[in-house]
């Protein structure tokens, strides 16, 4: 037995499907907000910050879904 954590590499089917469905839903909602904001905000610097925020929020949503779905495969979820 190792004194260090070793992931089990398990990916339950329900968790995987929740990650895929939730990821698509989060991406669609965030994309609509991003498109609306970019369309009406003419400042390039704010658009750059919005792009960073879009990526951070999508990453946070996917990380939360991976945690809730108990996905423990580092190659799949990072």
PDB file of N, CA and C in Angstrom:
ATOM      1  N   UNK A   1       0.845  -1.175   0.000  1.00  0.00           N
ATOM      2  CA  UNK A   1       0.000   0.000   0.000  1.00  0.00           C
ATOM      3  C   UNK A   1       0.892   1.240   0.000  1.00  0.00           C
ATOM      4  N   UNK A   2       0.621   2.116  -0.919  1.00  0.00           N
ATOM      5  CA  UNK A   2       1.425   3.317  -1.076  1.00  0.00           C
ATOM      6  C   UNK A   2       0.931   4.420  -0.132  1.00  0.00           C
ATOM      7  N   UNK A   3       1.834   5.225   0.409  1.00  0.00           N
ATOM      8  CA  UNK A   3       1.397   6.333   1.262  1.00  0.00           C
ATOM      9  C   UNK A   3       0.823   7.497   0.452  1.00  0.00           C
ATOM     10  N   UNK A   4       0.849   7.405  -0.875  1.00  0.00           N
ATOM     11  CA  UNK A   4       0.361   8.477  -1.736  1.00  0.00           C
ATOM     12  C   UNK A   4      -0.950   8.067  -2.393  1.00  0.00           C
ATOM     13  N   UNK A   5      -1.759   9.055  -2.700  1.00  0.00           N
ATOM     14  CA  UNK A   5      -3.044   8.796  -3.350  1.00  0.00           C
ATOM     15  C   UNK A   5      -2.822   8.293  -4.765  1.00  0.00           C
ATOM     16  N   UNK A   6      -3.538   7.241  -5.126  1.00  0.00           N
ATOM     17  CA  UNK A   6      -3.534   6.736  -6.490  1.00  0.00           C
ATOM     18  C   UNK A   6      -4.982   6.643  -6.948  1.00  0.00           C
ATOM     19  N   UNK A   7      -5.353   7.353  -8.020  1.00  0.00           N
ATOM     20  CA  UNK A   7      -6.745   7.320  -8.468  1.00  0.00           C
ATOM     21  C   UNK A   7      -7.135   5.922  -8.936  1.00  0.00           C
ATOM     22  N   UNK A   8      -8.409   5.596  -8.786  1.00  0.00           N
ATOM     23  CA  UNK A   8      -8.893   4.270  -9.158  1.00  0.00           C
ATOM     24  C   UNK A   8      -9.160   4.148 -10.655  1.00  0.00           C
ATOM     25  N   UNK A   9      -9.130   5.255 -11.391  1.00  0.00           N
ATOM     26  CA  UNK A   9      -9.388   5.287 -12.837  1.00  0.00           C
ATOM     27  C   UNK A   9     -10.799   4.828 -13.189  1.00  0.00           C
ATOM     28  N   UNK A  10     -11.736   5.008 -12.277  1.00  0.00           N
ATOM     29  CA  UNK A  10     -13.112   4.606 -12.544  1.00  0.00           C
ATOM     30  C   UNK A  10     -13.881   5.764 -13.171  1.00  0.00           C
ATOM     31  N   UNK A  11     -14.743   5.394 -14.117  1.00  0.00           N
ATOM     32  CA  UNK A  11     -15.603   6.366 -14.791  1.00  0.00           C
ATOM     33  C   UNK A  11     -17.008   5.764 -14.862  1.00  0.00           C
ATOM     34  N   UNK A  12     -17.843   5.971 -13.842  1.00  0.00           N
ATOM     35  CA  UNK A  12     -19.201   5.425 -13.894  1.00  0.00           C
ATOM     36  C   UNK A  12     -19.964   5.987 -15.090  1.00  0.00           C
ATOM     37  N   UNK A  13     -20.797   5.151 -15.691  1.00  0.00           N
ATOM     38  CA  UNK A  13     -21.539   5.562 -16.879  1.00  0.00           C
ATOM     39  C   UNK A  13     -22.449   6.752 -16.585  1.00  0.00           C
ATOM     40  N   UNK A  14     -23.133   6.726 -15.450  1.00  0.00           N
ATOM     41  CA  UNK A  14     -24.031   7.838 -15.109  1.00  0.00           C
ATOM     42  C   UNK A  14     -23.252   9.139 -14.942  1.00  0.00           C
ATOM     43  N   UNK A  15     -22.090   9.076 -14.320  1.00  0.00           N
ATOM     44  CA  UNK A  15     -21.272  10.271 -14.145  1.00  0.00           C
ATOM     45  C   UNK A  15     -20.739  10.798 -15.461  1.00  0.00           C
ATOM     46  N   UNK A  16     -20.362   9.879 -16.351  1.00  0.00           N
ATOM     47  CA  UNK A  16     -19.859  10.285 -17.664  1.00  0.00           C
ATOM     48  C   UNK A  16     -20.955  10.961 -18.476  1.00  0.00           C
ATOM     49  N   UNK A  17     -22.149  10.373 -18.453  1.00  0.00           N
ATOM     50  CA  UNK A  17     -23.266  10.979 -19.188  1.00  0.00           C
ATOM     51  C   UNK A  17     -23.661  12.325 -18.591  1.00  0.00           C
ATOM     52  N   UNK A  18     -23.606  12.438 -17.269  1.00  0.00           N
ATOM     53  CA  UNK A  18     -23.912  13.719 -16.623  1.00  0.00           C
ATOM     54  C   UNK A  18     -22.881  14.772 -17.004  1.00  0.00           C
ATOM     55  N   UNK A  19     -21.613  14.371 -17.086  1.00  0.00           N
ATOM     56  CA  UNK A  19     -20.564  15.308 -17.488  1.00  0.00           C
ATOM     57  C   UNK A  19     -20.792  15.785 -18.919  1.00  0.00           C
ATOM     58  N   UNK A  20     -21.107  14.862 -19.817  1.00  0.00           N
ATOM     59  CA  UNK A  20     -21.331  15.244 -21.214  1.00  0.00           C
ATOM     60  C   UNK A  20     -22.562  16.137 -21.366  1.00  0.00           C
ATOM     61  N   UNK A  21     -23.675  15.726 -20.772  1.00  0.00           N
ATOM     62  CA  UNK A  21     -24.910  16.506 -20.907  1.00  0.00           C
ATOM     63  C   UNK A  21     -24.792  17.859 -20.205  1.00  0.00           C
ATOM     64  N   UNK A  22     -24.249  17.852 -19.010  1.00  0.00           N
ATOM     65  CA  UNK A  22     -24.085  19.107 -18.279  1.00  0.00           C
ATOM     66  C   UNK A  22     -23.078  20.028 -18.934  1.00  0.00           C
ATOM     67  N   UNK A  23     -22.030  19.451 -19.503  1.00  0.00           N
ATOM     68  CA  UNK A  23     -21.027  20.256 -20.200  1.00  0.00           C
ATOM     69  C   UNK A  23     -21.596  20.934 -21.435  1.00  0.00           C
ATOM     70  N   UNK A  24     -22.398  20.191 -22.184  1.00  0.00           N
ATOM     71  CA  UNK A  24     -23.035  20.780 -23.368  1.00  0.00           C
ATOM     72  C   UNK A  24     -24.012  21.875 -22.950  1.00  0.00           C
ATOM     73  N   UNK A  25     -24.794  21.617 -21.911  1.00  0.00           N
ATOM     74  CA  UNK A  25     -25.754  22.622 -21.440  1.00  0.00           C
ATOM     75  C   UNK A  25     -25.039  23.874 -20.936  1.00  0.00           C
ATOM     76  N   UNK A  26     -23.980  23.684 -20.158  1.00  0.00           N
ATOM     77  CA  UNK A  26     -23.225  24.839 -19.647  1.00  0.00           C
ATOM     78  C   UNK A  26     -22.586  25.614 -20.792  1.00  0.00           C
ATOM     79  N   UNK A  27     -22.041  24.902 -21.774  1.00  0.00           N
ATOM     80  CA  UNK A  27     -21.411  25.570 -22.912  1.00  0.00           C
ATOM     81  C   UNK A  27     -22.436  26.366 -23.715  1.00  0.00           C
ATOM     82  N   UNK A  28     -23.627  25.816 -23.900  1.00  0.00           N
ATOM     83  CA  UNK A  28     -24.662  26.538 -24.647  1.00  0.00           C
ATOM     84  C   UNK A  28     -25.094  27.810 -23.924  1.00  0.00           C
ATOM     85  N   UNK A  29     -25.333  27.706 -22.635  1.00  0.00           N
ATOM     86  CA  UNK A  29     -25.768  28.881 -21.867  1.00  0.00           C
ATOM     87  C   UNK A  29     -24.672  29.938 -21.844  1.00  0.00           C
ATOM     88  N   UNK A  30     -23.447  29.517 -21.546  1.00  0.00           N
ATOM     89  CA  UNK A  30     -22.341  30.482 -21.496  1.00  0.00           C
ATOM     90  C   UNK A  30     -22.061  31.080 -22.873  1.00  0.00           C
ATOM     91  N   UNK A  31     -22.208  30.286 -23.920  1.00  0.00           N
ATOM     92  CA  UNK A  31     -21.973  30.804 -25.270  1.00  0.00           C
ATOM     93  C   UNK A  31     -23.003  31.868 -25.633  1.00  0.00           C
ATOM     94  N   UNK A  32     -24.256  31.647 -25.263  1.00  0.00           N
ATOM     95  CA  UNK A  32     -25.280  32.650 -25.555  1.00  0.00           C
ATOM     96  C   UNK A  32     -25.012  33.949 -24.808  1.00  0.00           C
ATOM     97  N   UNK A  33     -24.617  33.836 -23.554  1.00  0.00           N
ATOM     98  CA  UNK A  33     -24.277  35.036 -22.774  1.00  0.00           C
ATOM     99  C   UNK A  33     -23.069  35.736 -23.391  1.00  0.00           C
ATOM    100  N   UNK A  34     -22.070  34.965 -23.794  1.00  0.00           N
ATOM    101  CA  UNK A  34     -20.858  35.533 -24.383  1.00  0.00           C
ATOM    102  C   UNK A  34     -21.166  36.229 -25.717  1.00  0.00           C
ATOM    103  N   UNK A  35     -21.960  35.583 -26.554  1.00  0.00           N
ATOM    104  CA  UNK A  35     -22.318  36.184 -27.848  1.00  0.00           C
ATOM    105  C   UNK A  35     -23.074  37.496 -27.637  1.00  0.00           C
ATOM    106  N   UNK A  36     -24.038  37.487 -26.728  1.00  0.00           N
ATOM    107  CA  UNK A  36     -24.809  38.693 -26.438  1.00  0.00           C
ATOM    108  C   UNK A  36     -23.898  39.811 -25.944  1.00  0.00           C
ATOM    109  N   UNK A  37     -22.980  39.478 -25.042  1.00  0.00           N
ATOM    110  CA  UNK A  37     -22.080  40.489 -24.480  1.00  0.00           C
ATOM    111  C   UNK A  37     -21.127  41.033 -25.537  1.00  0.00           C
ATOM    112  N   UNK A  38     -20.556  40.168 -26.347  1.00  0.00           N
ATOM    113  CA  UNK A  38     -19.610  40.615 -27.375  1.00  0.00           C
ATOM    114  C   UNK A  38     -20.322  41.466 -28.423  1.00  0.00           C
ATOM    115  N   UNK A  39     -21.556  41.124 -28.717  1.00  0.00           N
ATOM    116  CA  UNK A  39     -22.310  41.863 -29.728  1.00  0.00           C
ATOM    117  C   UNK A  39     -22.571  43.306 -29.286  1.00  0.00           C
ATOM    118  N   UNK A  40     -22.845  43.516 -27.998  1.00  0.00           N
ATOM    119  CA  UNK A  40     -23.236  44.831 -27.518  1.00  0.00           C
ATOM    120  C   UNK A  40     -22.134  45.607 -26.799  1.00  0.00           C
ATOM    121  N   UNK A  41     -20.977  44.995 -26.554  1.00  0.00           N
ATOM    122  CA  UNK A  41     -19.873  45.700 -25.900  1.00  0.00           C
ATOM    123  C   UNK A  41     -18.778  45.923 -26.938  1.00  0.00           C
ATOM    124  N   UNK A  42     -18.551  47.163 -27.343  1.00  0.00           N
ATOM    125  CA  UNK A  42     -17.595  47.413 -28.422  1.00  0.00           C
ATOM    126  C   UNK A  42     -16.127  47.453 -27.990  1.00  0.00           C
ATOM    127  N   UNK A  43     -15.843  47.348 -26.718  1.00  0.00           N
ATOM    128  CA  UNK A  43     -14.468  47.482 -26.237  1.00  0.00           C
ATOM    129  C   UNK A  43     -13.745  46.144 -26.295  1.00  0.00           C
ATOM    130  N   UNK A  44     -12.629  46.116 -27.002  1.00  0.00           N
ATOM    131  CA  UNK A  44     -11.890  44.875 -27.199  1.00  0.00           C
ATOM    132  C   UNK A  44     -11.351  44.336 -25.878  1.00  0.00           C
ATOM    133  N   UNK A  45     -10.909  45.202 -24.998  1.00  0.00           N
ATOM    134  CA  UNK A  45     -10.334  44.746 -23.732  1.00  0.00           C
ATOM    135  C   UNK A  45     -11.377  44.031 -22.870  1.00  0.00           C
ATOM    136  N   UNK A  46     -12.588  44.537 -22.875  1.00  0.00           N
ATOM    137  CA  UNK A  46     -13.650  43.878 -22.114  1.00  0.00           C
ATOM    138  C   UNK A  46     -13.998  42.545 -22.763  1.00  0.00           C
ATOM    139  N   UNK A  47     -13.971  42.482 -24.090  1.00  0.00           N
ATOM    140  CA  UNK A  47     -14.219  41.218 -24.782  1.00  0.00           C
ATOM    141  C   UNK A  47     -13.163  40.184 -24.424  1.00  0.00           C
ATOM    142  N   UNK A  48     -11.925  40.617 -24.280  1.00  0.00           N
ATOM    143  CA  UNK A  48     -10.849  39.705 -23.883  1.00  0.00           C
ATOM    144  C   UNK A  48     -11.105  39.154 -22.481  1.00  0.00           C
ATOM    145  N   UNK A  49     -11.528  40.025 -21.572  1.00  0.00           N
ATOM    146  CA  UNK A  49     -11.837  39.591 -20.207  1.00  0.00           C
ATOM    147  C   UNK A  49     -13.041  38.645 -20.212  1.00  0.00           C
ATOM    148  N   UNK A  50     -14.028  38.930 -21.060  1.00  0.00           N
ATOM    149  CA  UNK A  50     -15.180  38.040 -21.177  1.00  0.00           C
ATOM    150  C   UNK A  50     -14.771  36.662 -21.686  1.00  0.00           C
ATOM    151  N   UNK A  51     -13.840  36.623 -22.612  1.00  0.00           N
ATOM    152  CA  UNK A  51     -13.346  35.352 -23.134  1.00  0.00           C
ATOM    153  C   UNK A  51     -12.666  34.545 -22.027  1.00  0.00           C
ATOM    154  N   UNK A  52     -11.855  35.210 -21.225  1.00  0.00           N
ATOM    155  CA  UNK A  52     -11.216  34.531 -20.092  1.00  0.00           C
ATOM    156  C   UNK A  52     -12.261  34.033 -19.092  1.00  0.00           C
ATOM    157  N   UNK A  53     -13.252  34.864 -18.816  1.00  0.00           N
ATOM    158  CA  UNK A  53     -14.315  34.469 -17.897  1.00  0.00           C
ATOM    159  C   UNK A  53     -15.117  33.287 -18.421  1.00  0.00           C
ATOM    160  N   UNK A  54     -15.381  33.280 -19.734  1.00  0.00           N
ATOM    161  CA  UNK A  54     -16.092  32.161 -20.354  1.00  0.00           C
ATOM    162  C   UNK A  54     -15.324  30.860 -20.138  1.00  0.00           C
ATOM    163  N   UNK A  55     -14.030  30.888 -20.386  1.00  0.00           N
ATOM    164  CA  UNK A  55     -13.209  29.691 -20.203  1.00  0.00           C
ATOM    165  C   UNK A  55     -13.143  29.245 -18.756  1.00  0.00           C
ATOM    166  N   UNK A  56     -12.999  30.204 -17.842  1.00  0.00           N
ATOM    167  CA  UNK A  56     -12.932  29.862 -16.418  1.00  0.00           C
ATOM    168  C   UNK A  56     -14.253  29.290 -15.909  1.00  0.00           C
ATOM    169  N   UNK A  57     -15.358  29.897 -16.301  1.00  0.00           N
ATOM    170  CA  UNK A  57     -16.661  29.399 -15.850  1.00  0.00           C
ATOM    171  C   UNK A  57     -16.973  28.023 -16.429  1.00  0.00           C
ATOM    172  N   UNK A  58     -16.635  27.812 -17.694  1.00  0.00           N
ATOM    173  CA  UNK A  58     -16.873  26.502 -18.295  1.00  0.00           C
ATOM    174  C   UNK A  58     -15.996  25.442 -17.636  1.00  0.00           C
ATOM    175  N   UNK A  59     -14.753  25.785 -17.365  1.00  0.00           N
ATOM    176  CA  UNK A  59     -13.867  24.852 -16.672  1.00  0.00           C
ATOM    177  C   UNK A  59     -14.351  24.536 -15.270  1.00  0.00           C
ATOM    178  N   UNK A  60     -14.847  25.547 -14.561  1.00  0.00           N
ATOM    179  CA  UNK A  60     -15.372  25.327 -13.213  1.00  0.00           C
ATOM    180  C   UNK A  60     -16.622  24.452 -13.246  1.00  0.00           C
ATOM    181  N   UNK A  61     -17.476  24.668 -14.234  1.00  0.00           N
ATOM    182  CA  UNK A  61     -18.685  23.849 -14.357  1.00  0.00           C
ATOM    183  C   UNK A  61     -18.324  22.394 -14.638  1.00  0.00           C
ATOM    184  N   UNK A  62     -17.368  22.176 -15.528  1.00  0.00           N
ATOM    185  CA  UNK A  62     -16.959  20.806 -15.846  1.00  0.00           C
ATOM    186  C   UNK A  62     -16.266  20.140 -14.663  1.00  0.00           C
ATOM    187  N   UNK A  63     -15.476  20.891 -13.922  1.00  0.00           N
ATOM    188  CA  UNK A  63     -14.820  20.328 -12.736  1.00  0.00           C
ATOM    189  C   UNK A  63     -15.852  19.938 -11.681  1.00  0.00           C
ATOM    190  N   UNK A  64     -16.868  20.775 -11.497  1.00  0.00           N
ATOM    191  CA  UNK A  64     -17.915  20.456 -10.527  1.00  0.00           C
ATOM    192  C   UNK A  64     -18.704  19.226 -10.966  1.00  0.00           C
ATOM    193  N   UNK A  65     -18.991  19.124 -12.258  1.00  0.00           N
ATOM    194  CA  UNK A  65     -19.713  17.954 -12.757  1.00  0.00           C
ATOM    195  C   UNK A  65     -18.876  16.685 -12.624  1.00  0.00           C
ATOM    196  N   UNK A  66     -17.585  16.784 -12.858  1.00  0.00           N
ATOM    197  CA  UNK A  66     -16.705  15.619 -12.700  1.00  0.00           C
ATOM    198  C   UNK A  66     -16.648  15.189 -11.240  1.00  0.00           C
ATOM    199  N   UNK A  67     -16.654  16.145 -10.337  1.00  0.00           N
ATOM    200  CA  UNK A  67     -16.634  15.821  -8.907  1.00  0.00           C
ATOM    201  C   UNK A  67     -17.961  15.187  -8.486  1.00  0.00           C
ATOM    202  N   UNK A  68     -19.077  15.750  -8.952  1.00  0.00           N
ATOM    203  CA  UNK A  68     -20.389  15.201  -8.605  1.00  0.00           C
ATOM    204  C   UNK A  68     -20.602  13.813  -9.205  1.00  0.00           C
ATOM    205  N   UNK A  69     -20.076  13.593 -10.411  1.00  0.00           N
ATOM    206  CA  UNK A  69     -20.220  12.299 -11.069  1.00  0.00           C
ATOM    207  C   UNK A  69     -19.224  11.261 -10.600  1.00  0.00           C
ATOM    208  N   UNK A  70     -18.335  11.646  -9.676  1.00  0.00           N
ATOM    209  CA  UNK A  70     -17.314  10.758  -9.116  1.00  0.00           C
ATOM    210  C   UNK A  70     -16.431  10.146 -10.205  1.00  0.00           C
ATOM    211  N   UNK A  71     -16.001  10.994 -11.132  1.00  0.00           N
ATOM    212  CA  UNK A  71     -15.104  10.558 -12.198  1.00  0.00           C
ATOM    213  C   UNK A  71     -13.675  10.685 -11.691  1.00  0.00           C
ATOM    214  N   UNK A  72     -12.966   9.556 -11.639  1.00  0.00           N
ATOM    215  CA  UNK A  72     -11.636   9.546 -11.037  1.00  0.00           C
ATOM    216  C   UNK A  72     -10.559   9.111 -12.011  1.00  0.00           C
ATOM    217  N   UNK A  73     -10.762   9.324 -13.292  1.00  0.00           N
ATOM    218  CA  UNK A  73      -9.754   8.974 -14.280  1.00  0.00           C
ATOM    219  C   UNK A  73      -9.024  10.248 -14.686  1.00  0.00           C
ATOM    220  N   UNK A  74      -7.764  10.423 -14.266  1.00  0.00           N
ATOM    221  CA  UNK A  74      -7.049  11.667 -14.561  1.00  0.00           C
ATOM    222  C   UNK A  74      -6.851  11.909 -16.053  1.00  0.00           C
ATOM    223  N   UNK A  75      -6.776  10.858 -16.844  1.00  0.00           N
ATOM    224  CA  UNK A  75      -6.601  11.033 -18.284  1.00  0.00           C
ATOM    225  C   UNK A  75      -7.861  11.608 -18.925  1.00  0.00           C
ATOM    226  N   UNK A  76      -9.009  11.353 -18.341  1.00  0.00           N
ATOM    227  CA  UNK A  76     -10.266  11.817 -18.921  1.00  0.00           C
ATOM    228  C   UNK A  76     -10.699  13.173 -18.386  1.00  0.00           C
ATOM    229  N   UNK A  77     -10.488  13.422 -17.108  1.00  0.00           N
ATOM    230  CA  UNK A  77     -11.001  14.660 -16.519  1.00  0.00           C
ATOM    231  C   UNK A  77      -9.915  15.606 -16.036  1.00  0.00           C
ATOM    232  N   UNK A  78      -8.695  15.237 -16.139  1.00  0.00           N
ATOM    233  CA  UNK A  78      -7.584  16.124 -15.805  1.00  0.00           C
ATOM    234  C   UNK A  78      -7.218  16.214 -14.404  1.00  0.00           C
TER     235      UNK A  78
END
